[in-house]
Amino acid sequence: MKVSKKNLKKKCDELWSLIIKSGGACEICGQSVRDPHHVIGRINYILRWDLRNGVRLCFQHHTGGKLSAHNDPIWFMDWFKSKRSDDYEYLLTKKNDVKTFNILDYQEILQKLKEEYAQLETTKT
């Protein structure tokens, strides 16, 4: 099977999501998690698979409620800044970085995510 950027990005996306969701309940209300959320959107490849750019959210706080990351992004960023100020500052410094990614970069990102996921799995048992 030929390794492609598209397949590597898809695998990275899937693993990033699993890692973020594995952390437990919604970080805002404690309800069950539906989807992980990118604080800085997925279009930003510097941060797309950065675990500090992920938040566990229930349906209501992700997309379903008035106070949700998608429906009220200003409210969400205020919440994020108040609860995870170190991650907020980190994302501010990284979000404008520019890099061109190649196959090796995607393979390295995937490997790091695999290692992180394996570490999570060993702490569960």
Protein backbone atom coordinates (compact mmCIF):
# COMPACT_ATOMS: atom_id res chain seq x y z
CA MET A 1 0.00 0.00 0.00
CA LYS A 2 1.34 3.39 -1.03
CA VAL A 3 1.80 5.92 1.75
CA SER A 4 0.10 9.19 0.89
CA LYS A 5 -0.24 12.52 2.65
CA LYS A 6 -4.00 12.14 2.56
CA ASN A 7 -3.94 8.77 4.35
CA LEU A 8 -1.39 9.95 6.90
CA LYS A 9 -3.44 13.06 7.69
CA LYS A 10 -6.56 10.91 8.12
CA LYS A 11 -4.75 8.56 10.52
CA CYS A 12 -3.38 11.52 12.47
CA ASP A 13 -6.87 13.04 12.70
CA GLU A 14 -8.36 9.78 13.97
CA LEU A 15 -5.66 9.24 16.57
CA TRP A 16 -5.73 12.87 17.74
CA SER A 17 -9.49 12.53 18.26
CA LEU A 18 -9.13 9.30 20.22
CA ILE A 19 -6.50 10.81 22.48
CA ILE A 20 -8.52 13.96 23.20
CA LYS A 21 -11.73 11.99 23.86
CA SER A 22 -9.93 9.50 26.10
CA GLY A 23 -9.35 12.17 28.73
CA GLY A 24 -12.84 11.82 30.17
CA ALA A 25 -15.88 14.05 30.35
CA CYS A 26 -16.68 17.47 28.92
CA GLU A 27 -14.22 19.95 30.35
CA ILE A 28 -16.97 22.52 30.84
CA CYS A 29 -19.86 20.59 32.42
CA GLY A 30 -18.71 17.02 33.05
CA GLN A 31 -21.22 15.37 30.70
CA SER A 32 -20.18 12.59 28.32
CA VAL A 33 -17.97 13.63 25.42
CA ARG A 34 -19.31 13.53 21.89
CA ASP A 35 -16.48 15.08 19.90
CA PRO A 36 -13.10 16.56 20.51
CA HIS A 37 -12.80 20.22 19.54
CA HIS A 38 -9.88 22.14 18.03
CA VAL A 39 -9.37 25.46 19.77
CA ILE A 40 -7.54 26.77 16.70
CA GLY A 41 -9.21 25.29 13.62
CA ARG A 42 -7.95 22.23 11.76
CA ILE A 43 -6.87 24.36 8.81
CA ASN A 44 -3.89 25.42 10.92
CA TYR A 45 -1.53 22.48 10.31
CA ILE A 46 1.03 23.68 12.86
CA LEU A 47 -1.57 23.03 15.58
CA ARG A 48 -3.92 20.51 13.93
CA TRP A 49 -2.50 17.51 15.81
CA ASP A 50 -1.12 19.36 18.82
CA LEU A 51 -2.79 17.90 21.90
CA ARG A 52 -2.75 21.29 23.63
CA ASN A 53 -5.10 22.46 20.87
CA GLY A 54 -7.78 19.94 21.83
CA VAL A 55 -10.71 20.20 24.22
CA ARG A 56 -13.17 17.51 25.31
CA LEU A 57 -16.72 18.82 24.85
CA CYS A 58 -20.22 17.40 25.11
CA PHE A 59 -22.69 17.98 22.29
CA GLN A 60 -24.18 21.06 23.99
CA HIS A 61 -20.83 22.78 24.50
CA HIS A 62 -19.42 21.73 21.12
CA THR A 63 -22.19 22.64 18.66
CA GLY A 64 -25.62 22.15 20.20
CA GLY A 65 -26.18 24.93 22.68
CA LYS A 66 -26.24 28.69 22.75
CA LEU A 67 -23.06 28.58 24.83
CA SER A 68 -20.97 26.36 22.60
CA ALA A 69 -17.57 26.56 20.97
CA HIS A 70 -19.11 26.90 17.50
CA ASN A 71 -22.12 29.06 18.31
CA ASP A 72 -20.35 31.51 20.61
CA PRO A 73 -16.60 31.38 19.94
CA ILE A 74 -15.93 34.52 22.00
CA TRP A 75 -17.53 32.93 25.06
CA PHE A 76 -15.59 29.72 24.39
CA MET A 77 -12.23 31.50 24.10
CA ASP A 78 -12.91 33.40 27.31
CA TRP A 79 -13.69 30.10 29.02
CA PHE A 80 -10.58 28.43 27.54
CA LYS A 81 -8.33 31.31 28.54
CA SER A 82 -9.65 31.25 32.12
CA LYS A 83 -9.40 27.44 32.55
CA ARG A 84 -6.30 26.61 30.50
CA SER A 85 -4.30 29.82 30.43
CA ASP A 86 -0.97 28.08 29.75
CA ASP A 87 -2.42 26.33 26.70
CA TYR A 88 -4.06 29.58 25.59
CA GLU A 89 -0.72 31.44 25.71
CA TYR A 90 1.05 28.55 23.97
CA LEU A 91 -1.50 28.52 21.13
CA LEU A 92 -1.19 32.29 20.72
CA THR A 93 2.56 31.96 20.21
CA LYS A 94 2.31 29.00 17.79
CA LYS A 95 -0.74 29.82 15.67
CA ASN A 96 1.07 32.06 13.18
CA ASP A 97 4.04 29.76 12.60
CA VAL A 98 4.41 28.65 9.00
CA LYS A 99 5.72 25.29 7.82
CA THR A 100 5.42 23.19 4.72
CA PHE A 101 4.73 19.56 5.62
CA ASN A 102 6.03 16.57 3.71
CA ILE A 103 5.43 12.82 4.04
CA LEU A 104 8.16 12.46 6.65
CA ASP A 105 6.62 15.20 8.79
CA TYR A 106 3.24 13.45 8.74
CA GLN A 107 4.87 10.12 9.58
CA GLU A 108 6.66 11.74 12.53
CA ILE A 109 3.44 13.32 13.79
CA LEU A 110 1.64 9.98 13.48
CA GLN A 111 4.41 8.20 15.38
CA LYS A 112 4.26 10.74 18.23
CA LEU A 113 0.47 10.36 18.43
CA LYS A 114 0.81 6.56 18.47
CA GLU A 115 3.29 6.81 21.33
CA GLU A 116 0.98 9.13 23.27
CA TYR A 117 -1.98 6.80 22.70
CA ALA A 118 0.02 3.75 23.75
CA GLN A 119 1.05 5.55 26.93
CA LEU A 120 -2.62 6.35 27.66
CA GLU A 121 -3.57 2.72 27.11
CA THR A 122 -0.91 1.46 29.54
CA THR A 123 -2.07 3.84 32.27
CA LYS A 124 -5.65 2.50 31.93
CA THR A 125 -4.63 -1.03 32.86
